[in-house]
Structures are given as C-alpha cells and as structure tokens.
C-alpha cells in the first residue's frame, strides 16, 4: 500500500512539473503536409545551416570546422526521392561540396538517407518564418539542426531554437559563425 501511494505521489509530482514547465519541444510536421502536392514544394530551394544542438559534443563534432553552409533541396525525377546538394565553407576558407538523396516514406514525416540505413531524419516546424528544424538520428547520435532561408537569423529565433533543444535534453549548442562568404553550390 505504501509503495502504491508513493508511486501515485511521484506521478502527481511529475504531472505538476510538466504542467508548469514552459518547455515546448519542436512540433513534428504532420504527415498530411508531407504527402501529395504540398510536399516537398515548400521545402525545395536554398537553405542555410544556422545552428545545431545535441546531448553530446560528439554529435556536433562534424560541424566544428564549418564556417557556413548552404544547401539546395531539389526534386529528383523519381517522386519519392529528394536531391540535397550542399556547399560547406570551412573555417580554413576551403569549400567542400556534398550531396545525398533523401527517400520519402508515404504517410510519414521521416526521411531515409540513401546508403545510410540506420539514419532517420524528421522535419519539425519552427516559430520563426522561413525556418525549419531537422532532427537526425543514427546509431551513435541524435541532434537537431536549424535551417533558414536567409544566412543571418534574428537572435530571438536562435534563442527559441536553443530553448527547444533544451526541452529535448540537448544542452550542447553550436552556432555556425558565418564570418566568410558562403561557397557556391555546384550543379549536379
């Protein structure tokens, strides 16, 4: 009886803390917005990588040497495939091109990455206009990344992203410096 009462009190305490918490993690995009004629049209085009967050520094290590990044999301001739091209400006000044294919799943907000069977990518809405949050999960990491249609984003948008990351217990934060011009995307 004491064990049941203690469990009940802990449950109530957790519910109270959750209700009082100002924490609102990012909201996943509904699958209905990702199917048919609407997706991927609103997400095609140019995006700038602004910031990343994770629970561990290792999950953000890939981006530590990056000064700026520009991405272009395009539709592949096959309707379930999206072509992503990137141009990464390194802090050393060099440019590194990258490209990969996302595979859309019917009725789902998940995107698979061709050639990486363990990787899962989900799209989340953001409070700021012309931004999107991408969550990447693989065997060794989970992180969220903030992208914007413009290379420089208002401080309150970055702070909102940081708060959403905190709600997901991702306290490691990386802001891409963007001190150099972005590299030019190469045509595929």
N, C-alpha and C. Protein backbone atom coordinates (compact mmCIF):
# COMPACT_ATOMS: atom_id res chain seq x y z
N UNK A 1 0.82 -1.19 0.00
CA UNK A 1 0.00 0.00 0.00
C UNK A 1 0.86 1.26 0.00
N UNK A 2 1.93 1.27 0.80
CA UNK A 2 2.83 2.41 0.86
C UNK A 2 3.53 2.62 -0.49
N UNK A 3 3.90 1.52 -1.12
CA UNK A 3 4.56 1.60 -2.43
C UNK A 3 3.61 2.23 -3.46
N UNK A 4 2.34 1.81 -3.45
CA UNK A 4 1.36 2.35 -4.39
C UNK A 4 1.13 3.84 -4.13
N UNK A 5 1.04 4.25 -2.87
CA UNK A 5 0.85 5.66 -2.52
C UNK A 5 2.05 6.48 -2.97
N UNK A 6 3.25 5.97 -2.74
CA UNK A 6 4.48 6.66 -3.14
C UNK A 6 4.52 6.82 -4.67
N UNK A 7 4.18 5.77 -5.40
CA UNK A 7 4.15 5.83 -6.87
C UNK A 7 3.15 6.88 -7.35
N UNK A 8 1.99 6.91 -6.72
CA UNK A 8 0.96 7.87 -7.08
C UNK A 8 1.43 9.30 -6.84
N UNK A 9 2.08 9.54 -5.71
CA UNK A 9 2.59 10.88 -5.39
C UNK A 9 3.67 11.31 -6.38
N UNK A 10 4.55 10.39 -6.75
CA UNK A 10 5.58 10.71 -7.74
C UNK A 10 4.96 11.03 -9.10
N UNK A 11 3.94 10.29 -9.46
CA UNK A 11 3.24 10.56 -10.71
C UNK A 11 2.62 11.96 -10.70
N UNK A 12 1.95 12.30 -9.62
CA UNK A 12 1.34 13.63 -9.49
C UNK A 12 2.39 14.73 -9.54
N UNK A 13 3.52 14.50 -8.86
CA UNK A 13 4.61 15.48 -8.88
C UNK A 13 5.11 15.68 -10.32
N UNK A 14 5.34 14.60 -11.04
CA UNK A 14 5.79 14.68 -12.44
C UNK A 14 4.79 15.41 -13.31
N UNK A 15 3.50 15.12 -13.13
CA UNK A 15 2.46 15.78 -13.91
C UNK A 15 2.42 17.28 -13.61
N UNK A 16 2.59 17.65 -12.35
CA UNK A 16 2.59 19.06 -11.96
C UNK A 16 3.78 19.79 -12.57
N UNK A 17 4.95 19.18 -12.49
CA UNK A 17 6.15 19.79 -13.07
C UNK A 17 5.97 19.97 -14.58
N UNK A 18 5.44 18.96 -15.26
CA UNK A 18 5.21 19.06 -16.70
C UNK A 18 4.24 20.17 -17.04
N UNK A 19 3.18 20.30 -16.23
CA UNK A 19 2.17 21.33 -16.49
C UNK A 19 2.72 22.73 -16.28
N UNK A 20 3.61 22.89 -15.33
CA UNK A 20 4.17 24.22 -15.02
C UNK A 20 5.38 24.56 -15.88
N UNK A 21 5.93 23.60 -16.56
CA UNK A 21 7.14 23.81 -17.34
C UNK A 21 6.84 24.62 -18.60
N UNK A 22 7.64 25.65 -18.88
CA UNK A 22 7.45 26.42 -20.10
C UNK A 22 8.05 25.73 -21.32
N UNK A 23 8.51 24.52 -21.14
CA UNK A 23 9.21 23.79 -22.17
C UNK A 23 8.25 23.30 -23.26
N UNK A 24 8.51 23.72 -24.48
CA UNK A 24 7.75 23.21 -25.61
C UNK A 24 8.71 22.74 -26.68
N UNK A 25 8.91 21.42 -26.78
CA UNK A 25 9.80 20.92 -27.81
C UNK A 25 9.21 21.19 -29.19
N UNK A 26 10.03 21.11 -30.23
CA UNK A 26 9.53 21.37 -31.58
C UNK A 26 8.41 20.41 -31.95
N UNK A 27 7.45 20.90 -32.72
CA UNK A 27 6.32 20.09 -33.15
C UNK A 27 6.63 19.44 -34.49
N UNK A 28 6.46 18.12 -34.58
CA UNK A 28 6.70 17.47 -35.88
C UNK A 28 5.71 17.98 -36.92
N UNK A 29 6.17 18.07 -38.15
CA UNK A 29 5.25 18.43 -39.22
C UNK A 29 4.28 17.28 -39.40
N UNK A 30 3.00 17.55 -39.56
CA UNK A 30 2.05 16.46 -39.76
C UNK A 30 2.30 15.75 -41.09
N UNK A 31 2.13 14.45 -41.09
CA UNK A 31 2.37 13.66 -42.31
C UNK A 31 1.52 14.15 -43.47
N UNK A 32 0.34 14.68 -43.17
CA UNK A 32 -0.54 15.16 -44.25
C UNK A 32 0.09 16.31 -45.02
N UNK A 33 0.97 17.07 -44.37
CA UNK A 33 1.64 18.18 -45.07
C UNK A 33 2.81 17.69 -45.89
N UNK A 34 3.19 16.43 -45.73
CA UNK A 34 4.35 15.91 -46.45
C UNK A 34 3.96 15.04 -47.64
N UNK A 35 2.68 14.82 -47.83
CA UNK A 35 2.24 13.95 -48.92
C UNK A 35 1.65 14.77 -50.05
N UNK A 36 1.48 14.10 -51.16
CA UNK A 36 0.76 14.68 -52.28
C UNK A 36 1.43 15.90 -52.87
N UNK A 37 0.60 16.87 -53.21
CA UNK A 37 1.09 18.03 -53.94
C UNK A 37 1.82 19.04 -53.06
N UNK A 38 1.59 19.03 -51.74
CA UNK A 38 2.20 20.05 -50.89
C UNK A 38 3.66 19.78 -50.60
N UNK A 39 4.04 18.56 -50.40
CA UNK A 39 5.44 18.25 -50.11
C UNK A 39 6.06 17.65 -51.35
N UNK A 40 7.21 17.99 -51.66
CA UNK A 40 8.15 18.78 -50.89
C UNK A 40 8.24 20.23 -51.31
N UNK A 41 7.27 20.71 -52.05
CA UNK A 41 7.41 22.01 -52.70
C UNK A 41 7.79 23.12 -51.74
N UNK A 42 7.21 23.19 -50.56
CA UNK A 42 7.54 24.28 -49.65
C UNK A 42 8.94 24.17 -49.07
N UNK A 43 9.56 23.00 -49.22
CA UNK A 43 10.91 22.81 -48.67
C UNK A 43 11.99 22.75 -49.75
N UNK A 44 11.59 22.86 -50.99
CA UNK A 44 12.58 22.89 -52.06
C UNK A 44 13.26 24.26 -52.07
N UNK A 45 14.47 24.29 -52.61
CA UNK A 45 15.17 25.55 -52.74
C UNK A 45 16.36 25.64 -51.80
N UNK A 46 16.79 26.85 -51.56
CA UNK A 46 18.03 27.12 -50.82
C UNK A 46 17.77 27.30 -49.33
N UNK A 47 18.64 26.68 -48.53
CA UNK A 47 18.60 26.76 -47.07
C UNK A 47 20.01 27.00 -46.55
N UNK A 48 20.11 27.75 -45.45
CA UNK A 48 21.39 28.00 -44.78
C UNK A 48 21.38 27.31 -43.42
N UNK A 49 22.46 26.61 -43.14
CA UNK A 49 22.60 25.94 -41.84
C UNK A 49 23.01 26.99 -40.82
N UNK A 50 22.21 27.14 -39.76
CA UNK A 50 22.41 28.19 -38.76
C UNK A 50 23.00 27.65 -37.47
N UNK A 51 22.43 26.56 -36.95
CA UNK A 51 22.82 26.10 -35.63
C UNK A 51 22.49 24.63 -35.46
N UNK A 52 23.14 24.00 -34.49
CA UNK A 52 22.86 22.61 -34.15
C UNK A 52 22.87 22.44 -32.64
N UNK A 53 22.20 21.40 -32.18
CA UNK A 53 22.17 21.08 -30.76
C UNK A 53 22.11 19.57 -30.61
N UNK A 54 22.69 19.08 -29.51
CA UNK A 54 22.72 17.65 -29.23
C UNK A 54 22.95 17.44 -27.75
N UNK A 55 22.83 16.21 -27.31
CA UNK A 55 23.08 15.88 -25.91
C UNK A 55 24.57 15.71 -25.64
N UNK A 56 25.34 15.39 -26.68
CA UNK A 56 26.78 15.18 -26.50
C UNK A 56 27.57 16.01 -27.51
N UNK A 57 28.77 16.43 -27.16
CA UNK A 57 29.60 17.18 -28.11
C UNK A 57 29.94 16.36 -29.36
N UNK A 58 30.08 15.06 -29.21
CA UNK A 58 30.44 14.21 -30.35
C UNK A 58 29.41 14.28 -31.47
N UNK A 59 28.15 14.49 -31.13
CA UNK A 59 27.09 14.55 -32.14
C UNK A 59 27.18 15.80 -33.01
N UNK A 60 27.90 16.81 -32.54
CA UNK A 60 28.07 18.06 -33.30
C UNK A 60 29.47 18.21 -33.87
N UNK A 61 30.33 17.27 -33.58
CA UNK A 61 31.74 17.34 -33.99
C UNK A 61 31.91 17.54 -35.50
N UNK A 62 31.02 16.95 -36.29
CA UNK A 62 31.07 17.06 -37.75
C UNK A 62 31.08 18.51 -38.21
N UNK A 63 30.42 19.38 -37.45
CA UNK A 63 30.24 20.77 -37.87
C UNK A 63 31.25 21.73 -37.24
N UNK A 64 32.12 21.25 -36.38
CA UNK A 64 33.04 22.12 -35.64
C UNK A 64 33.95 22.95 -36.54
N UNK A 65 34.34 22.42 -37.68
CA UNK A 65 35.24 23.14 -38.58
C UNK A 65 34.52 23.93 -39.65
N UNK A 66 33.21 24.06 -39.55
CA UNK A 66 32.40 24.73 -40.57
C UNK A 66 32.19 26.19 -40.23
N UNK A 67 32.39 27.05 -41.21
CA UNK A 67 32.11 28.48 -41.04
C UNK A 67 30.71 28.82 -41.56
N UNK A 68 30.31 28.21 -42.67
CA UNK A 68 28.97 28.43 -43.21
C UNK A 68 28.62 27.27 -44.13
N UNK A 69 27.33 27.09 -44.34
CA UNK A 69 26.86 26.03 -45.24
C UNK A 69 25.61 26.51 -45.94
N UNK A 70 25.53 26.19 -47.21
CA UNK A 70 24.32 26.47 -47.98
C UNK A 70 23.90 25.15 -48.62
N UNK A 71 22.59 24.90 -48.60
CA UNK A 71 22.03 23.66 -49.12
C UNK A 71 20.97 23.98 -50.16
N UNK A 72 20.81 23.06 -51.09
CA UNK A 72 19.73 23.17 -52.06
C UNK A 72 18.99 21.85 -52.10
N UNK A 73 17.69 21.90 -51.78
CA UNK A 73 16.83 20.72 -51.84
C UNK A 73 16.08 20.76 -53.15
N UNK A 74 16.22 19.70 -53.94
CA UNK A 74 15.54 19.63 -55.23
C UNK A 74 14.82 18.30 -55.40
N UNK A 75 13.80 18.33 -56.24
CA UNK A 75 13.04 17.11 -56.53
C UNK A 75 13.82 16.27 -57.53
N UNK A 76 13.90 15.01 -57.28
CA UNK A 76 14.52 14.06 -58.19
C UNK A 76 13.49 13.67 -59.25
N UNK A 77 13.91 13.12 -60.38
CA UNK A 77 12.92 12.66 -61.36
C UNK A 77 11.96 11.60 -60.78
N UNK A 78 12.43 10.82 -59.79
CA UNK A 78 11.56 9.86 -59.13
C UNK A 78 10.84 10.60 -57.99
N UNK A 79 9.51 10.51 -57.89
CA UNK A 79 8.75 11.33 -56.94
C UNK A 79 9.06 11.08 -55.47
N UNK A 80 9.55 9.93 -55.09
CA UNK A 80 9.83 9.64 -53.68
C UNK A 80 11.26 9.98 -53.28
N UNK A 81 12.01 10.64 -54.17
CA UNK A 81 13.41 10.95 -53.89
C UNK A 81 13.63 12.47 -53.94
N UNK A 82 14.39 12.94 -52.98
CA UNK A 82 14.77 14.35 -52.93
C UNK A 82 16.29 14.44 -53.01
N UNK A 83 16.78 15.32 -53.86
CA UNK A 83 18.22 15.52 -54.04
C UNK A 83 18.66 16.69 -53.17
N UNK A 84 19.64 16.47 -52.31
CA UNK A 84 20.17 17.54 -51.48
C UNK A 84 21.63 17.77 -51.87
N UNK A 85 21.93 19.02 -52.23
CA UNK A 85 23.31 19.42 -52.53
C UNK A 85 23.73 20.45 -51.51
N UNK A 86 24.99 20.39 -51.10
CA UNK A 86 25.50 21.33 -50.10
C UNK A 86 26.85 21.87 -50.53
N UNK A 87 27.14 23.07 -50.07
CA UNK A 87 28.46 23.67 -50.22
C UNK A 87 28.87 24.15 -48.83
N UNK A 88 29.87 23.52 -48.26
CA UNK A 88 30.33 23.84 -46.91
C UNK A 88 31.57 24.73 -46.98
N UNK A 89 31.52 25.86 -46.31
CA UNK A 89 32.70 26.73 -46.19
C UNK A 89 33.36 26.35 -44.88
N UNK A 90 34.60 25.90 -44.97
CA UNK A 90 35.36 25.54 -43.78
C UNK A 90 35.95 26.79 -43.15
N UNK A 91 36.24 26.71 -41.87
CA UNK A 91 36.87 27.84 -41.18
C UNK A 91 38.22 28.17 -41.80
N UNK A 92 38.86 27.18 -42.41
CA UNK A 92 40.14 27.39 -43.08
C UNK A 92 39.99 28.13 -44.40
N UNK A 93 38.74 28.29 -44.88
CA UNK A 93 38.48 29.02 -46.11
C UNK A 93 38.10 28.15 -47.29
N UNK A 94 38.41 26.88 -47.24
CA UNK A 94 38.10 25.98 -48.35
C UNK A 94 36.62 25.66 -48.46
N UNK A 95 36.25 25.21 -49.65
CA UNK A 95 34.86 24.81 -49.91
C UNK A 95 34.80 23.31 -50.14
N UNK A 96 33.80 22.68 -49.57
CA UNK A 96 33.62 21.24 -49.72
C UNK A 96 32.20 20.98 -50.22
N UNK A 97 32.08 20.39 -51.42
CA UNK A 97 30.74 20.05 -51.91
C UNK A 97 30.28 18.71 -51.33
N UNK A 98 29.00 18.59 -51.12
CA UNK A 98 28.39 17.35 -50.63
C UNK A 98 27.06 17.16 -51.35
N UNK A 99 26.65 15.91 -51.48
CA UNK A 99 25.30 15.64 -52.00
C UNK A 99 24.83 14.29 -51.49
N UNK A 100 23.53 14.17 -51.32
CA UNK A 100 22.93 12.91 -50.94
C UNK A 100 21.46 12.92 -51.33
N UNK A 101 20.85 11.75 -51.19
CA UNK A 101 19.46 11.55 -51.58
C UNK A 101 18.64 11.22 -50.34
N UNK A 102 17.53 11.94 -50.17
CA UNK A 102 16.54 11.58 -49.15
C UNK A 102 15.45 10.77 -49.83
N UNK A 103 14.98 9.76 -49.14
CA UNK A 103 13.90 8.92 -49.63
C UNK A 103 12.66 9.20 -48.78
N UNK A 104 11.59 9.64 -49.42
CA UNK A 104 10.34 9.93 -48.71
C UNK A 104 9.60 8.64 -48.42
N UNK A 105 8.95 8.61 -47.27
CA UNK A 105 8.11 7.47 -46.91
C UNK A 105 6.66 7.91 -46.94
N UNK A 106 5.85 7.19 -47.67
CA UNK A 106 4.43 7.52 -47.80
C UNK A 106 3.75 7.56 -46.43
N UNK A 107 3.04 8.66 -46.15
CA UNK A 107 2.29 8.78 -44.91
C UNK A 107 3.13 9.00 -43.68
N UNK A 108 4.38 9.44 -43.84
CA UNK A 108 5.29 9.61 -42.71
C UNK A 108 6.06 10.91 -42.83
N UNK A 109 6.48 11.44 -41.70
CA UNK A 109 7.33 12.63 -41.71
C UNK A 109 8.80 12.27 -41.75
N UNK A 110 9.11 10.99 -41.68
CA UNK A 110 10.50 10.54 -41.72
C UNK A 110 11.05 10.57 -43.14
N UNK A 111 12.32 10.88 -43.24
CA UNK A 111 13.05 10.76 -44.49
C UNK A 111 14.20 9.80 -44.24
N UNK A 112 14.38 8.85 -45.12
CA UNK A 112 15.53 7.96 -45.04
C UNK A 112 16.64 8.57 -45.89
N UNK A 113 17.88 8.25 -45.56
CA UNK A 113 19.02 8.73 -46.33
C UNK A 113 19.58 7.55 -47.12
N UNK A 114 19.62 7.70 -48.42
CA UNK A 114 20.12 6.62 -49.28
C UNK A 114 21.55 6.26 -48.88
N UNK A 115 21.80 4.95 -48.71
CA UNK A 115 23.12 4.48 -48.35
C UNK A 115 23.42 4.49 -46.85
N UNK A 116 22.49 5.00 -46.05
CA UNK A 116 22.67 5.03 -44.58
C UNK A 116 21.41 4.46 -43.93
N UNK A 117 21.30 3.15 -43.88
CA UNK A 117 20.07 2.52 -43.41
C UNK A 117 19.71 2.83 -41.95
N UNK A 118 20.67 3.17 -41.12
CA UNK A 118 20.38 3.46 -39.71
C UNK A 118 19.98 4.89 -39.45
N UNK A 119 20.11 5.76 -40.44
CA UNK A 119 19.84 7.18 -40.23
C UNK A 119 18.36 7.49 -40.44
N UNK A 120 17.83 8.30 -39.53
CA UNK A 120 16.43 8.74 -39.61
C UNK A 120 16.43 10.26 -39.55
N UNK A 121 15.69 10.89 -40.44
CA UNK A 121 15.59 12.34 -40.49
C UNK A 121 14.12 12.72 -40.38
N UNK A 122 13.82 13.65 -39.47
CA UNK A 122 12.46 14.14 -39.28
C UNK A 122 12.46 15.65 -39.41
N UNK A 123 11.36 16.18 -39.91
CA UNK A 123 11.21 17.62 -40.07
C UNK A 123 10.26 18.16 -39.01
N UNK A 124 10.65 19.29 -38.41
CA UNK A 124 9.86 19.93 -37.37
C UNK A 124 9.60 21.38 -37.74
N UNK A 125 8.48 21.89 -37.30
CA UNK A 125 8.18 23.29 -37.55
C UNK A 125 8.94 24.15 -36.55
N UNK A 126 9.06 25.40 -36.90
CA UNK A 126 9.73 26.37 -36.06
C UNK A 126 8.83 27.59 -35.94
N UNK A 127 8.97 28.33 -34.86
CA UNK A 127 8.14 29.52 -34.65
C UNK A 127 8.49 30.64 -35.62
N UNK A 128 9.73 30.70 -36.04
CA UNK A 128 10.18 31.79 -36.91
C UNK A 128 9.87 31.47 -38.37
N UNK A 129 9.47 32.47 -39.13
CA UNK A 129 9.15 32.23 -40.55
C UNK A 129 10.41 31.84 -41.32
N UNK A 130 10.18 31.06 -42.35
CA UNK A 130 11.25 30.65 -43.27
C UNK A 130 12.38 29.90 -42.57
N UNK A 131 12.03 29.13 -41.55
CA UNK A 131 13.00 28.27 -40.87
C UNK A 131 12.40 26.87 -40.73
N UNK A 132 13.27 25.92 -40.53
CA UNK A 132 12.83 24.54 -40.29
C UNK A 132 13.86 23.88 -39.38
N UNK A 133 13.38 22.97 -38.57
CA UNK A 133 14.25 22.19 -37.69
C UNK A 133 14.30 20.76 -38.23
N UNK A 134 15.49 20.24 -38.37
CA UNK A 134 15.71 18.88 -38.85
C UNK A 134 16.31 18.08 -37.71
N UNK A 135 15.70 16.96 -37.38
CA UNK A 135 16.27 16.07 -36.37
C UNK A 135 16.88 14.87 -37.08
N UNK A 136 18.15 14.63 -36.80
CA UNK A 136 18.86 13.48 -37.36
C UNK A 136 19.20 12.51 -36.25
N UNK A 137 18.89 11.26 -36.48
CA UNK A 137 19.22 10.20 -35.53
C UNK A 137 19.92 9.09 -36.28
N UNK A 138 20.96 8.59 -35.70
CA UNK A 138 21.68 7.44 -36.24
C UNK A 138 22.04 6.55 -35.07
N UNK A 139 22.78 5.54 -35.30
CA UNK A 139 23.14 4.60 -34.22
C UNK A 139 23.90 5.29 -33.09
N UNK A 140 24.74 6.26 -33.43
CA UNK A 140 25.63 6.86 -32.44
C UNK A 140 25.22 8.24 -31.96
N UNK A 141 24.21 8.84 -32.55
CA UNK A 141 23.88 10.21 -32.16
C UNK A 141 22.44 10.57 -32.47
N UNK A 142 22.03 11.67 -31.85
CA UNK A 142 20.77 12.33 -32.15
C UNK A 142 21.05 13.82 -32.02
N UNK A 143 20.60 14.58 -33.01
CA UNK A 143 20.83 16.03 -32.98
C UNK A 143 19.70 16.72 -33.72
N UNK A 144 19.54 18.01 -33.42
CA UNK A 144 18.61 18.84 -34.18
C UNK A 144 19.40 19.97 -34.82
N UNK A 145 18.97 20.37 -36.00
CA UNK A 145 19.67 21.37 -36.79
C UNK A 145 18.66 22.43 -37.25
N UNK A 146 19.06 23.67 -37.16
CA UNK A 146 18.21 24.79 -37.57
C UNK A 146 18.67 25.31 -38.93
N UNK A 147 17.72 25.38 -39.86
CA UNK A 147 17.99 25.90 -41.20
C UNK A 147 17.08 27.10 -41.46
N UNK A 148 17.60 28.04 -42.25
CA UNK A 148 16.84 29.24 -42.57
C UNK A 148 17.00 29.56 -44.05
N UNK A 149 16.02 30.24 -44.59
CA UNK A 149 16.10 30.68 -45.99
C UNK A 149 17.12 31.81 -46.16
N UNK A 150 17.47 32.49 -45.07
CA UNK A 150 18.45 33.57 -45.13
C UNK A 150 19.68 33.18 -44.30
N UNK A 151 20.86 33.68 -44.66
CA UNK A 151 22.07 33.28 -43.93
C UNK A 151 22.18 33.85 -42.52
N UNK A 152 21.49 34.93 -42.24
CA UNK A 152 21.55 35.52 -40.91
C UNK A 152 20.15 35.57 -40.33
N UNK A 153 20.02 35.04 -39.14
CA UNK A 153 18.72 34.88 -38.50
C UNK A 153 18.66 35.75 -37.25
N UNK A 154 17.50 36.26 -36.93
CA UNK A 154 17.30 37.10 -35.74
C UNK A 154 17.69 36.33 -34.48
N UNK A 155 18.27 37.04 -33.52
CA UNK A 155 18.71 36.42 -32.26
C UNK A 155 17.58 35.69 -31.55
N UNK A 156 16.36 36.25 -31.59
CA UNK A 156 15.25 35.59 -30.88
C UNK A 156 14.90 34.24 -31.52
N UNK A 157 15.14 34.10 -32.83
CA UNK A 157 14.89 32.81 -33.48
C UNK A 157 15.92 31.77 -33.04
N UNK A 158 17.15 32.20 -32.91
CA UNK A 158 18.21 31.30 -32.45
C UNK A 158 17.96 30.92 -30.99
N UNK A 159 17.54 31.88 -30.19
CA UNK A 159 17.24 31.59 -28.79
C UNK A 159 16.04 30.65 -28.66
N UNK A 160 15.04 30.80 -29.50
CA UNK A 160 13.90 29.89 -29.49
C UNK A 160 14.36 28.47 -29.82
N UNK A 161 15.23 28.34 -30.82
CA UNK A 161 15.78 27.02 -31.17
C UNK A 161 16.55 26.43 -29.99
N UNK A 162 17.34 27.24 -29.35
CA UNK A 162 18.12 26.78 -28.19
C UNK A 162 17.19 26.29 -27.07
N UNK A 163 16.10 27.01 -26.84
CA UNK A 163 15.12 26.60 -25.83
C UNK A 163 14.45 25.27 -26.20
N UNK A 164 14.13 25.12 -27.47
CA UNK A 164 13.53 23.86 -27.91
C UNK A 164 14.52 22.70 -27.76
N UNK A 165 15.79 22.96 -28.03
CA UNK A 165 16.82 21.93 -27.85
C UNK A 165 16.92 21.54 -26.37
N UNK A 166 16.88 22.53 -25.51
CA UNK A 166 16.94 22.29 -24.08
C UNK A 166 15.78 21.40 -23.63
N UNK A 167 14.59 21.62 -24.21
CA UNK A 167 13.42 20.79 -23.89
C UNK A 167 13.64 19.33 -24.29
N UNK A 168 14.50 19.10 -25.25
CA UNK A 168 14.82 17.75 -25.69
C UNK A 168 16.06 17.20 -24.99
N UNK A 169 16.51 17.87 -23.92
CA UNK A 169 17.73 17.49 -23.19
C UNK A 169 18.97 17.54 -24.06
N UNK A 170 19.01 18.49 -24.98
CA UNK A 170 20.17 18.70 -25.84
C UNK A 170 20.82 20.01 -25.42
N UNK A 171 21.77 19.91 -24.52
CA UNK A 171 22.39 21.11 -23.96
C UNK A 171 23.67 21.53 -24.67
N UNK A 172 24.19 20.67 -25.55
CA UNK A 172 25.34 21.06 -26.37
C UNK A 172 24.82 21.89 -27.53
N UNK A 173 25.38 23.07 -27.73
CA UNK A 173 24.85 24.01 -28.71
C UNK A 173 25.99 24.52 -29.57
N UNK A 174 25.77 24.58 -30.88
CA UNK A 174 26.78 25.07 -31.81
C UNK A 174 26.12 26.07 -32.75
N UNK A 175 26.62 27.29 -32.75
CA UNK A 175 26.16 28.32 -33.67
C UNK A 175 27.21 28.45 -34.76
N UNK A 176 26.80 28.27 -36.00
CA UNK A 176 27.72 28.36 -37.13
C UNK A 176 28.13 29.83 -37.27
N UNK A 177 29.45 30.12 -37.30
CA UNK A 177 29.89 31.54 -37.23
C UNK A 177 29.50 32.41 -38.44
N UNK A 178 29.54 31.87 -39.64
CA UNK A 178 29.21 32.62 -40.85
C UNK A 178 29.99 33.92 -40.98
N UNK A 179 31.32 33.85 -40.80
CA UNK A 179 32.16 35.03 -40.92
C UNK A 179 32.70 35.22 -42.34
N UNK A 180 32.58 34.19 -43.16
CA UNK A 180 33.06 34.24 -44.54
C UNK A 180 31.88 34.12 -45.49
N UNK A 181 32.10 34.48 -46.75
CA UNK A 181 31.06 34.29 -47.75
C UNK A 181 30.76 32.81 -47.91
N UNK A 182 29.52 32.50 -48.25
CA UNK A 182 29.18 31.11 -48.50
C UNK A 182 29.78 30.65 -49.82
N UNK A 183 30.02 29.37 -49.90
CA UNK A 183 30.53 28.79 -51.13
C UNK A 183 29.39 28.68 -52.15
N UNK A 184 29.75 28.60 -53.41
CA UNK A 184 28.76 28.44 -54.47
C UNK A 184 28.39 26.97 -54.60
N UNK A 185 27.10 26.70 -54.72
CA UNK A 185 26.64 25.33 -54.97
C UNK A 185 27.03 24.91 -56.37
N UNK A 186 27.49 23.69 -56.50
CA UNK A 186 27.81 23.15 -57.81
C UNK A 186 26.58 22.51 -58.40
N UNK A 187 26.41 22.63 -59.70
CA UNK A 187 25.29 21.97 -60.38
C UNK A 187 25.53 20.47 -60.37
N UNK A 188 24.43 19.73 -60.25
CA UNK A 188 24.58 18.28 -60.25
C UNK A 188 24.49 17.72 -61.65
